[in-house]
Structure formats: structure tokens, C-alpha cells
N, C-alpha and C. Protein backbone atom coordinates (compact mmCIF):
# COMPACT_ATOMS: atom_id res chain seq x y z
N UNK A 1 17.38 -44.98 60.44
CA UNK A 1 17.53 -43.44 59.56
C UNK A 1 18.09 -42.59 60.63
N UNK A 2 18.92 -41.59 59.85
CA UNK A 2 19.48 -40.67 60.82
C UNK A 2 18.79 -39.66 61.49
N UNK A 3 17.45 -39.69 61.00
CA UNK A 3 16.84 -38.72 61.50
C UNK A 3 16.34 -39.21 62.90
N UNK A 4 15.68 -40.47 63.06
CA UNK A 4 15.50 -41.19 64.21
C UNK A 4 16.31 -41.38 65.62
N UNK A 5 17.64 -40.82 65.03
CA UNK A 5 18.78 -41.17 66.23
C UNK A 5 18.38 -40.41 67.48
N UNK A 6 18.72 -40.99 68.54
CA UNK A 6 18.74 -40.77 70.00
C UNK A 6 19.85 -40.07 70.28
N UNK A 7 20.81 -39.80 69.82
CA UNK A 7 22.28 -40.01 70.24
C UNK A 7 22.59 -38.62 71.10
N UNK A 8 23.55 -38.73 72.21
CA UNK A 8 24.00 -37.59 72.76
C UNK A 8 25.18 -36.60 71.99
N UNK A 9 24.63 -35.30 71.94
CA UNK A 9 25.91 -34.65 71.59
C UNK A 9 27.31 -34.92 72.51
N UNK A 10 28.27 -34.07 71.73
CA UNK A 10 29.74 -34.60 72.75
C UNK A 10 29.53 -33.81 74.05
N UNK A 11 28.61 -33.06 74.20
CA UNK A 11 28.51 -32.37 75.81
C UNK A 11 27.53 -33.03 76.62
N UNK A 12 26.88 -34.07 76.13
CA UNK A 12 26.05 -34.93 76.74
C UNK A 12 24.37 -34.41 76.71
N UNK A 13 24.21 -33.48 76.00
CA UNK A 13 22.81 -32.96 75.82
C UNK A 13 21.98 -34.02 74.41
N UNK A 14 20.70 -34.24 74.81
CA UNK A 14 20.10 -35.16 73.80
C UNK A 14 18.80 -34.46 73.31
N UNK A 15 18.48 -34.40 71.97
CA UNK A 15 17.01 -34.19 71.59
C UNK A 15 17.60 -32.60 70.34
N UNK A 16 16.87 -32.38 70.13
CA UNK A 16 16.45 -31.30 69.06
C UNK A 16 17.07 -30.02 69.33
N UNK A 17 17.31 -29.82 70.59
CA UNK A 17 17.32 -28.45 71.09
C UNK A 17 19.18 -28.34 71.76
N UNK A 18 19.74 -29.20 71.07
CA UNK A 18 21.35 -28.95 71.19
C UNK A 18 21.81 -27.96 70.88
N UNK A 19 21.11 -27.20 69.59
CA UNK A 19 21.88 -26.17 69.18
C UNK A 19 21.51 -24.76 70.27
N UNK A 20 20.57 -24.59 70.84
CA UNK A 20 20.22 -23.59 71.39
C UNK A 20 21.30 -23.76 72.75
N UNK A 21 21.16 -25.17 73.27
CA UNK A 21 21.87 -25.37 74.82
C UNK A 21 23.65 -25.07 74.46
N UNK A 22 24.12 -25.84 73.58
CA UNK A 22 25.91 -25.90 73.48
C UNK A 22 26.22 -25.54 72.21
N UNK A 23 25.19 -25.39 71.11
CA UNK A 23 25.53 -25.22 69.80
C UNK A 23 26.10 -26.43 69.06
N UNK A 24 25.82 -27.48 69.50
CA UNK A 24 26.40 -28.58 68.50
C UNK A 24 25.23 -28.76 67.53
N UNK A 25 25.46 -29.32 66.31
CA UNK A 25 24.55 -29.78 65.22
C UNK A 25 25.02 -31.22 64.71
N UNK A 26 23.93 -31.97 64.34
CA UNK A 26 24.57 -33.03 63.74
C UNK A 26 24.27 -32.85 62.26
N UNK A 27 25.15 -33.17 61.65
CA UNK A 27 25.41 -32.37 60.14
C UNK A 27 25.85 -33.61 59.39
N UNK A 28 25.37 -33.52 58.00
CA UNK A 28 25.81 -34.40 56.81
C UNK A 28 26.83 -33.40 56.08
N UNK A 29 28.40 -33.86 56.25
CA UNK A 29 29.32 -33.23 55.82
C UNK A 29 29.22 -32.92 54.27
N UNK A 30 29.44 -31.75 54.00
CA UNK A 30 29.52 -31.39 52.60
C UNK A 30 30.73 -31.67 51.72
N UNK A 31 30.29 -31.85 50.41
CA UNK A 31 31.54 -31.82 49.42
C UNK A 31 32.62 -30.80 49.52
N UNK A 32 32.93 -30.22 50.50
CA UNK A 32 34.14 -29.10 50.88
C UNK A 32 35.57 -29.72 50.39
N UNK A 33 36.27 -28.85 50.23
CA UNK A 33 37.55 -29.15 50.11
C UNK A 33 38.50 -30.09 51.16
N UNK A 34 37.91 -29.50 52.16
CA UNK A 34 38.57 -29.87 53.53
C UNK A 34 37.58 -31.43 53.89
N UNK A 35 36.63 -31.21 53.91
CA UNK A 35 35.81 -32.45 53.97
C UNK A 35 36.27 -33.51 53.37
N UNK A 36 36.46 -33.38 51.77
CA UNK A 36 36.84 -34.13 50.97
C UNK A 36 38.42 -34.77 51.45
N UNK A 37 39.13 -33.97 51.55
CA UNK A 37 40.41 -34.46 52.27
C UNK A 37 40.77 -35.10 53.49
N UNK A 38 39.79 -34.82 54.04
CA UNK A 38 39.61 -35.35 55.45
C UNK A 38 38.79 -36.69 55.55
N UNK A 39 38.26 -36.91 54.26
CA UNK A 39 37.71 -38.13 54.11
C UNK A 39 36.54 -38.37 54.93
N UNK A 40 35.50 -36.89 54.80
CA UNK A 40 34.36 -37.25 55.85
C UNK A 40 33.24 -36.70 55.12
N UNK A 41 33.43 -36.35 53.51
CA UNK A 41 32.19 -35.77 52.90
C UNK A 41 31.03 -36.88 52.95
N UNK A 42 29.99 -36.65 53.03
CA UNK A 42 28.72 -37.12 53.15
C UNK A 42 28.73 -38.17 54.33
N UNK A 43 29.24 -38.06 55.52
CA UNK A 43 29.16 -38.67 56.43
C UNK A 43 28.65 -37.89 57.72
N UNK A 44 27.83 -38.49 58.43
CA UNK A 44 26.99 -37.68 59.41
C UNK A 44 27.79 -37.52 60.66
N UNK A 45 28.07 -36.39 61.07
CA UNK A 45 29.12 -36.19 62.12
C UNK A 45 28.26 -34.80 63.16
N UNK A 46 28.77 -34.93 64.35
CA UNK A 46 28.57 -33.86 65.47
C UNK A 46 29.34 -32.56 64.96
N UNK A 47 29.08 -31.53 65.18
CA UNK A 47 29.71 -30.05 64.72
C UNK A 47 29.67 -29.15 66.27
N UNK A 48 30.56 -28.94 66.62
CA UNK A 48 30.43 -27.96 67.89
C UNK A 48 31.38 -26.86 67.54
N UNK A 49 30.80 -25.66 67.76
CA UNK A 49 31.54 -24.54 67.70
C UNK A 49 32.76 -23.98 68.98
N UNK A 50 33.96 -23.65 68.63
CA UNK A 50 35.00 -23.73 69.44
C UNK A 50 35.75 -22.53 68.83
N UNK A 51 36.52 -21.83 70.26
CA UNK A 51 37.28 -20.84 69.93
C UNK A 51 38.79 -21.46 69.71
N UNK A 52 39.27 -21.03 68.87
CA UNK A 52 40.37 -21.53 68.44
C UNK A 52 41.54 -20.54 67.64
N UNK A 53 42.82 -20.82 67.92
CA UNK A 53 43.99 -19.69 67.67
C UNK A 53 44.84 -19.25 68.70
N UNK A 54 45.71 -18.53 68.61
CA UNK A 54 46.72 -18.05 69.50
C UNK A 54 45.95 -17.40 70.55
N UNK A 55 44.99 -16.40 70.04
CA UNK A 55 44.05 -15.60 71.15
C UNK A 55 42.80 -16.08 71.12
N UNK A 56 42.48 -17.21 70.83
CA UNK A 56 41.05 -17.62 70.92
C UNK A 56 40.03 -16.85 70.36
N UNK A 57 40.32 -16.36 69.55
CA UNK A 57 39.29 -15.35 68.65
C UNK A 57 38.77 -15.83 67.49
N UNK A 58 38.94 -16.90 66.99
CA UNK A 58 38.45 -17.37 65.80
C UNK A 58 37.46 -18.53 66.02
N UNK A 59 36.28 -18.08 65.67
CA UNK A 59 35.13 -19.39 65.90
C UNK A 59 35.39 -20.37 64.85
N UNK A 60 35.65 -21.57 65.27
CA UNK A 60 36.25 -22.67 64.47
C UNK A 60 34.87 -23.53 64.87
N UNK A 61 34.75 -25.05 64.15
CA UNK A 61 34.09 -25.90 64.46
C UNK A 61 34.86 -27.04 64.71
N UNK A 62 34.54 -27.73 65.90
CA UNK A 62 35.23 -29.21 66.28
C UNK A 62 34.58 -30.14 65.70
N UNK A 63 34.92 -31.46 64.67
CA UNK A 63 33.97 -32.13 64.32
C UNK A 63 34.15 -33.38 65.41
N UNK A 64 32.86 -34.27 65.47
CA UNK A 64 32.81 -35.48 66.29
C UNK A 64 32.36 -36.53 65.73
N UNK A 65 33.02 -37.64 65.70
CA UNK A 65 32.18 -38.80 65.31
C UNK A 65 31.00 -39.32 66.13
N UNK A 66 30.08 -40.24 65.61
CA UNK A 66 28.83 -40.35 66.33
C UNK A 66 29.10 -40.99 67.73
N UNK A 67 30.36 -41.50 67.96
CA UNK A 67 30.84 -41.97 69.42
C UNK A 67 31.28 -40.89 70.37
N UNK A 68 31.30 -39.56 69.80
CA UNK A 68 31.60 -38.49 70.61
C UNK A 68 33.13 -38.20 70.83
N UNK A 69 34.03 -38.87 69.87
CA UNK A 69 35.26 -38.55 69.61
C UNK A 69 35.77 -37.80 68.82
N UNK A 70 36.54 -36.46 69.49
CA UNK A 70 37.12 -35.33 68.30
C UNK A 70 37.72 -36.05 67.07
N UNK A 71 37.56 -35.42 66.13
CA UNK A 71 38.16 -35.43 64.71
C UNK A 71 38.50 -34.76 64.08
N UNK A 72 39.98 -35.06 64.02
CA UNK A 72 41.05 -33.95 63.36
C UNK A 72 41.13 -32.45 64.35
N UNK A 73 41.50 -31.29 63.62
CA UNK A 73 41.45 -30.46 64.35
C UNK A 73 40.40 -29.36 64.11
N UNK A 74 40.15 -28.28 64.72
CA UNK A 74 38.96 -27.57 64.31
C UNK A 74 39.02 -27.19 62.88
N UNK A 75 37.87 -26.98 62.08
CA UNK A 75 37.84 -26.41 60.73
C UNK A 75 36.84 -25.23 60.38
N UNK A 76 36.90 -24.59 59.60
CA UNK A 76 35.80 -23.14 59.68
C UNK A 76 34.78 -23.64 59.59
N UNK A 77 33.76 -22.70 59.78
CA UNK A 77 32.23 -23.16 59.96
C UNK A 77 31.78 -23.38 58.43
N UNK A 78 32.20 -22.88 57.36
CA UNK A 78 31.86 -22.72 56.32
C UNK A 78 32.13 -24.19 55.52
N UNK A 79 33.49 -24.55 55.93
CA UNK A 79 34.32 -25.98 54.97
C UNK A 79 33.06 -26.86 55.74
N UNK A 80 32.70 -26.66 57.04
CA UNK A 80 31.92 -27.95 58.01
C UNK A 80 30.81 -27.97 57.43
N UNK A 81 30.20 -26.85 56.93
CA UNK A 81 28.68 -26.76 56.39
C UNK A 81 27.69 -26.31 58.02
N UNK A 82 28.45 -25.85 58.91
CA UNK A 82 27.65 -25.49 59.88
C UNK A 82 26.61 -24.50 59.62
N UNK A 83 26.53 -23.68 58.77
CA UNK A 83 25.18 -22.83 58.48
C UNK A 83 24.35 -23.72 57.63
N UNK A 84 24.44 -24.67 57.28
CA UNK A 84 23.48 -25.64 56.60
C UNK A 84 22.46 -26.15 57.58
N UNK A 85 21.57 -26.96 56.75
CA UNK A 85 20.55 -27.50 57.45
C UNK A 85 21.08 -28.59 58.25
N UNK A 86 20.88 -28.68 59.42
CA UNK A 86 21.18 -30.05 60.32
C UNK A 86 20.34 -31.05 60.22
N UNK A 87 20.85 -32.20 60.51
CA UNK A 87 20.19 -33.52 60.38
C UNK A 87 19.20 -33.72 61.25
N UNK A 88 19.21 -33.51 62.34
CA UNK A 88 18.14 -33.44 63.60
C UNK A 88 17.36 -32.12 63.60
């Protein structure tokens, strides 16, 4: 079961406090337009907040696979469902 996973986030932190330490969340990707296009809807992925753009002023979310490999370019927090309920 996904809630029993003891996997480290992309920054090496383990456990339910990742969000407080580095901002990472383990999420089930929603059926947003971007997630459907990237073919990750309903998949479990790590989401890590990052600054993106020319002046590094836009807070985006970088998605990572469960193997901690970056997936695509950063997406908006809403498209990734970052504000939703995390898996862990």
C-alpha cells in the first residue's frame, strides 16, 4: 500500500515531516489538464516546490518519480494538486 512506503524524498528526507523540512509531498496526481497531457494522472509522485522563471519569482512544483528522477519541467501548484491531501 502506498501509505506504508518508507521512501526518501528527492532531498533525502524520510518520513511524514518532509513537508516541514523541504516542502516535498508524496501526492496522487489529479486529473488536471497538465497531468493528463503528461500521462501522470492518478500516479503517485513526489512534488517539490521550486522557484522558476527568468527572475526565479514564480513558485512552481517540480515532479519527481518514486526513483527520485525529475519528471518534465516544473508545473503550477494547482495543476500538480500540491494544495491537496498528500499520500503520506
